[in-house]
Structure formats: C-alpha cells, structure tokens
Amino acid sequence: HADHNEKKLDDVDNEAGDENEELDIDGDEILSVLKIFQKRREDDINNAEISGNPRNKKRSNFETEEQIKERVQKEENKFWIKITT
C-alpha cells in the first residue's frame, strides 16, 4: 500500500517537474490580498463581539470570594430544604 502512495507522489512530482515553469507572483498583490483578508477577519470578530455571539465570547472561570460564598450558601440552602421537607 505504501508503494502505491509513493507512486502517486512520484507522478505528482513528475507532472510538476514537466512544466518547469516558475510562478509569476507579484509580492504586492499577495500583501494586498492578505491585508484584505486580515481586515475582514478582524471585522467578523468585532461584529461577533458586538452582536453578543456566545460562541465567540470567552467565559470567565474566575469567581471572587464573595461569589464563592454566595454559591456555597445557595447550595447549603438547597441541601437543608431537601432534608427538612
């Protein structure tokens, strides 16, 4: 099976080598396209934050001491209610 894959890779290398053609790419065009892409990506991220899309928001796992005390108190209250009823 590995030989079969190697033959495919060799065929691809040979096909690419047959053309012996250099790519004529203008660096300025690449930079322009990358800048457009980056701007659109930043706009998408900002729009998601503004619209309040929860998938893109980071949730804080940090609880203050006061929040911890409130949560523990609620849990204890639920426990005592269960026991006494």
N, C-alpha and C. Protein backbone atom coordinates (compact mmCIF):
# COMPACT_ATOMS: atom_id res chain seq x y z
N HIS A 1 0.83 -1.18 0.00
CA HIS A 1 0.00 0.00 0.00
C HIS A 1 0.88 1.26 0.00
N ALA A 2 1.99 1.23 0.72
CA ALA A 2 2.89 2.37 0.77
C ALA A 2 3.51 2.63 -0.60
N ASP A 3 3.82 1.54 -1.32
CA ASP A 3 4.38 1.71 -2.66
C ASP A 3 3.40 2.43 -3.57
N HIS A 4 2.13 2.11 -3.41
CA HIS A 4 1.10 2.74 -4.23
C HIS A 4 1.07 4.25 -3.98
N ASN A 5 1.17 4.65 -2.70
CA ASN A 5 1.18 6.07 -2.35
C ASN A 5 2.43 6.76 -2.88
N GLU A 6 3.56 6.05 -2.82
CA GLU A 6 4.80 6.62 -3.33
C GLU A 6 4.71 6.86 -4.82
N LYS A 7 4.09 5.93 -5.53
CA LYS A 7 3.94 6.11 -6.97
C LYS A 7 3.10 7.35 -7.27
N LYS A 8 2.05 7.56 -6.48
CA LYS A 8 1.21 8.73 -6.69
C LYS A 8 2.02 10.01 -6.46
N LEU A 9 2.83 10.02 -5.40
CA LEU A 9 3.65 11.20 -5.12
C LEU A 9 4.66 11.43 -6.23
N ASP A 10 5.26 10.35 -6.72
CA ASP A 10 6.23 10.47 -7.81
C ASP A 10 5.55 11.03 -9.06
N ASP A 11 4.33 10.56 -9.34
CA ASP A 11 3.60 11.05 -10.50
C ASP A 11 3.35 12.55 -10.38
N VAL A 12 2.99 12.98 -9.17
CA VAL A 12 2.73 14.40 -8.94
C VAL A 12 4.01 15.19 -9.13
N ASP A 13 5.12 14.68 -8.58
CA ASP A 13 6.40 15.37 -8.73
C ASP A 13 6.78 15.47 -10.21
N ASN A 14 6.58 14.39 -10.94
CA ASN A 14 6.93 14.40 -12.36
C ASN A 14 6.05 15.38 -13.13
N GLU A 15 4.76 15.41 -12.81
CA GLU A 15 3.87 16.32 -13.51
C GLU A 15 4.27 17.76 -13.24
N ALA A 16 4.61 18.06 -12.01
CA ALA A 16 5.01 19.41 -11.67
C ALA A 16 6.34 19.75 -12.32
N GLY A 17 7.23 18.78 -12.39
CA GLY A 17 8.54 18.99 -12.97
C GLY A 17 8.49 19.11 -14.48
N ASP A 18 7.49 18.53 -15.10
CA ASP A 18 7.40 18.58 -16.55
C ASP A 18 7.20 20.01 -17.04
N GLU A 19 6.48 20.78 -16.29
CA GLU A 19 6.18 22.14 -16.74
C GLU A 19 7.40 23.05 -16.59
N ASN A 20 8.22 22.81 -15.54
CA ASN A 20 9.41 23.64 -15.29
C ASN A 20 9.09 25.12 -15.42
N GLU A 21 7.98 25.51 -14.88
CA GLU A 21 7.52 26.88 -15.02
C GLU A 21 7.55 27.55 -13.65
N GLU A 22 8.19 28.71 -13.61
CA GLU A 22 8.21 29.45 -12.35
C GLU A 22 6.91 30.22 -12.20
N LEU A 23 6.46 30.33 -10.98
CA LEU A 23 5.26 31.11 -10.73
C LEU A 23 5.60 32.58 -10.79
N ASP A 24 4.80 33.32 -11.51
CA ASP A 24 5.00 34.76 -11.62
C ASP A 24 4.01 35.44 -10.70
N ILE A 25 4.42 35.64 -9.45
CA ILE A 25 3.54 36.21 -8.44
C ILE A 25 4.13 37.53 -7.97
N ASP A 26 3.30 38.54 -8.00
CA ASP A 26 3.71 39.86 -7.54
C ASP A 26 3.53 39.93 -6.02
N GLY A 27 4.59 40.22 -5.33
CA GLY A 27 4.55 40.29 -3.87
C GLY A 27 3.57 41.34 -3.36
N ASP A 28 3.43 42.44 -4.09
CA ASP A 28 2.49 43.49 -3.68
C ASP A 28 1.05 42.99 -3.73
N GLU A 29 0.73 42.17 -4.73
CA GLU A 29 -0.61 41.61 -4.84
C GLU A 29 -0.91 40.69 -3.65
N ILE A 30 0.09 39.88 -3.27
CA ILE A 30 -0.09 38.98 -2.14
C ILE A 30 -0.34 39.78 -0.87
N LEU A 31 0.46 40.82 -0.66
CA LEU A 31 0.28 41.66 0.52
C LEU A 31 -1.09 42.32 0.53
N SER A 32 -1.54 42.77 -0.61
CA SER A 32 -2.85 43.40 -0.71
C SER A 32 -3.96 42.43 -0.33
N VAL A 33 -3.88 41.22 -0.86
CA VAL A 33 -4.89 40.21 -0.56
C VAL A 33 -4.85 39.83 0.91
N LEU A 34 -3.67 39.68 1.48
CA LEU A 34 -3.54 39.35 2.90
C LEU A 34 -4.10 40.46 3.79
N LYS A 35 -3.86 41.71 3.41
CA LYS A 35 -4.40 42.83 4.20
C LYS A 35 -5.93 42.83 4.16
N ILE A 36 -6.50 42.56 2.99
CA ILE A 36 -7.96 42.49 2.87
C ILE A 36 -8.49 41.36 3.73
N PHE A 37 -7.84 40.20 3.66
CA PHE A 37 -8.26 39.05 4.46
C PHE A 37 -8.21 39.38 5.95
N GLN A 38 -7.11 39.98 6.39
CA GLN A 38 -6.95 40.32 7.81
C GLN A 38 -8.02 41.32 8.25
N LYS A 39 -8.31 42.32 7.42
CA LYS A 39 -9.32 43.32 7.75
C LYS A 39 -10.69 42.67 7.88
N ARG A 40 -11.05 41.79 6.95
CA ARG A 40 -12.34 41.11 7.00
C ARG A 40 -12.45 40.23 8.23
N ARG A 41 -11.35 39.55 8.56
CA ARG A 41 -11.34 38.66 9.73
C ARG A 41 -11.55 39.47 11.01
N GLU A 42 -10.83 40.60 11.11
CA GLU A 42 -10.98 41.46 12.29
C GLU A 42 -12.41 42.01 12.37
N ASP A 43 -12.97 42.40 11.22
CA ASP A 43 -14.35 42.90 11.20
C ASP A 43 -15.33 41.83 11.67
N ASP A 44 -15.13 40.60 11.21
CA ASP A 44 -16.00 39.50 11.63
C ASP A 44 -15.93 39.27 13.13
N ILE A 45 -14.73 39.30 13.68
CA ILE A 45 -14.53 39.10 15.12
C ILE A 45 -15.20 40.24 15.89
N ASN A 46 -15.00 41.47 15.44
CA ASN A 46 -15.60 42.63 16.13
C ASN A 46 -17.12 42.58 16.05
N ASN A 47 -17.65 42.21 14.89
CA ASN A 47 -19.11 42.12 14.74
C ASN A 47 -19.68 41.03 15.65
N ALA A 48 -18.97 39.94 15.79
CA ALA A 48 -19.43 38.86 16.66
C ALA A 48 -19.45 39.32 18.11
N GLU A 49 -18.46 40.09 18.51
CA GLU A 49 -18.41 40.61 19.88
C GLU A 49 -19.54 41.59 20.13
N ILE A 50 -19.80 42.45 19.15
CA ILE A 50 -20.85 43.46 19.29
C ILE A 50 -22.23 42.80 19.36
N SER A 51 -22.43 41.80 18.49
CA SER A 51 -23.75 41.16 18.45
C SER A 51 -23.97 40.23 19.64
N GLY A 52 -22.91 39.97 20.38
CA GLY A 52 -23.04 39.14 21.57
C GLY A 52 -23.13 37.66 21.25
N ASN A 53 -22.49 37.24 20.19
CA ASN A 53 -22.50 35.83 19.82
C ASN A 53 -21.77 35.04 20.91
N PRO A 54 -22.48 34.19 21.64
CA PRO A 54 -21.87 33.50 22.78
C PRO A 54 -20.78 32.51 22.38
N ARG A 55 -20.79 32.05 21.14
CA ARG A 55 -19.76 31.09 20.73
C ARG A 55 -18.39 31.76 20.68
N ASN A 56 -18.36 33.05 20.43
CA ASN A 56 -17.09 33.74 20.29
C ASN A 56 -16.65 34.48 21.55
N LYS A 57 -17.50 34.46 22.56
CA LYS A 57 -17.13 35.13 23.81
C LYS A 57 -16.41 34.16 24.73
N LYS A 58 -15.42 34.70 25.41
CA LYS A 58 -14.72 33.87 26.40
C LYS A 58 -15.44 34.03 27.72
N ARG A 59 -15.71 32.90 28.35
CA ARG A 59 -16.36 32.93 29.65
C ARG A 59 -15.31 32.93 30.74
N SER A 60 -15.56 33.71 31.74
CA SER A 60 -14.63 33.79 32.85
C SER A 60 -14.91 32.64 33.82
N ASN A 61 -13.87 31.94 34.19
CA ASN A 61 -13.98 30.86 35.17
C ASN A 61 -13.61 31.36 36.56
N PHE A 62 -13.31 32.62 36.64
CA PHE A 62 -12.85 33.20 37.90
C PHE A 62 -14.03 33.64 38.74
N GLU A 63 -14.04 33.23 39.98
CA GLU A 63 -15.06 33.67 40.92
C GLU A 63 -14.39 34.44 42.06
N THR A 64 -15.01 35.53 42.42
CA THR A 64 -14.49 36.27 43.57
C THR A 64 -14.87 35.51 44.84
N GLU A 65 -14.26 35.88 45.93
CA GLU A 65 -14.58 35.22 47.20
C GLU A 65 -16.05 35.40 47.56
N GLU A 66 -16.57 36.59 47.26
CA GLU A 66 -17.98 36.87 47.55
C GLU A 66 -18.89 35.96 46.71
N GLN A 67 -18.55 35.78 45.45
CA GLN A 67 -19.35 34.91 44.58
C GLN A 67 -19.29 33.46 45.05
N ILE A 68 -18.13 33.05 45.51
CA ILE A 68 -17.98 31.68 46.03
C ILE A 68 -18.86 31.50 47.27
N LYS A 69 -18.83 32.48 48.19
CA LYS A 69 -19.64 32.41 49.40
C LYS A 69 -21.13 32.34 49.05
N GLU A 70 -21.56 33.16 48.08
CA GLU A 70 -22.97 33.14 47.66
C GLU A 70 -23.37 31.79 47.09
N ARG A 71 -22.50 31.24 46.26
CA ARG A 71 -22.79 29.95 45.64
C ARG A 71 -22.88 28.84 46.69
N VAL A 72 -21.93 28.84 47.62
CA VAL A 72 -21.91 27.83 48.69
C VAL A 72 -23.16 27.97 49.56
N GLN A 73 -23.53 29.22 49.87
CA GLN A 73 -24.73 29.47 50.69
C GLN A 73 -25.99 28.94 49.99
N LYS A 74 -26.11 29.17 48.69
CA LYS A 74 -27.25 28.66 47.93
C LYS A 74 -27.30 27.14 47.94
N GLU A 75 -26.11 26.53 47.76
CA GLU A 75 -26.04 25.06 47.78
C GLU A 75 -26.45 24.51 49.14
N GLU A 76 -25.97 25.17 50.20
CA GLU A 76 -26.33 24.73 51.56
C GLU A 76 -27.83 24.90 51.81
N ASN A 77 -28.40 26.01 51.33
CA ASN A 77 -29.84 26.24 51.50
C ASN A 77 -30.64 25.14 50.78
N LYS A 78 -30.23 24.81 49.57
CA LYS A 78 -30.91 23.74 48.83
C LYS A 78 -30.81 22.42 49.58
N PHE A 79 -29.64 22.16 50.15
CA PHE A 79 -29.43 20.93 50.91
C PHE A 79 -30.37 20.84 52.11
N TRP A 80 -30.43 21.94 52.88
CA TRP A 80 -31.26 21.96 54.09
C TRP A 80 -32.76 21.88 53.74
N ILE A 81 -33.14 22.49 52.66
CA ILE A 81 -34.53 22.41 52.21
C ILE A 81 -34.89 20.96 51.87
N LYS A 82 -33.99 20.28 51.22
CA LYS A 82 -34.23 18.87 50.86
C LYS A 82 -34.37 18.01 52.12
N ILE A 83 -33.51 18.25 53.09
CA ILE A 83 -33.50 17.45 54.32
C ILE A 83 -34.77 17.69 55.14
N THR A 84 -35.17 18.93 55.22
CA THR A 84 -36.29 19.27 56.12
C THR A 84 -37.67 19.06 55.52
N THR A 85 -37.73 18.84 54.21
CA THR A 85 -39.08 18.62 53.61
C THR A 85 -39.33 17.19 53.32
